[in-house]
């Protein structure tokens, strides 16, 4: 099953009068095959950037753990923190490289067709 890029509802496939595939979700958002592809590619990139943001937050927290304690009896294994900090740095670089090296197969202008509403 493929989810709708606009609302995460399940999409079904129909054939248009010109025998082209049309994807319609349970609430009525419609996409051509090209539009669905473009929207999914954009979602992948958005999630990749979200992962980078989370890793950078983790990197900042790890840096704070390496600072001298201001109070409290908490002790952390400095070597483990440094190893994890290096892992995070490598993961950020890897995901950034994946984003930079990704080239979409096609680029179309995506316009989500909103479902019909009775007013």
Foldseek 3Di string as FASTA:
>chain_A
DDADLVPRAAWDWDADPVRFIWTAGPQGWIDGPQLRLQSVVVVVLVVLVVVLVVLVVVLVVLVVLLDPDPDDPDDDDNVVSVVVNVVSVVVNVVSVVVSVPDDDPDDDDHDIDGHDDDD
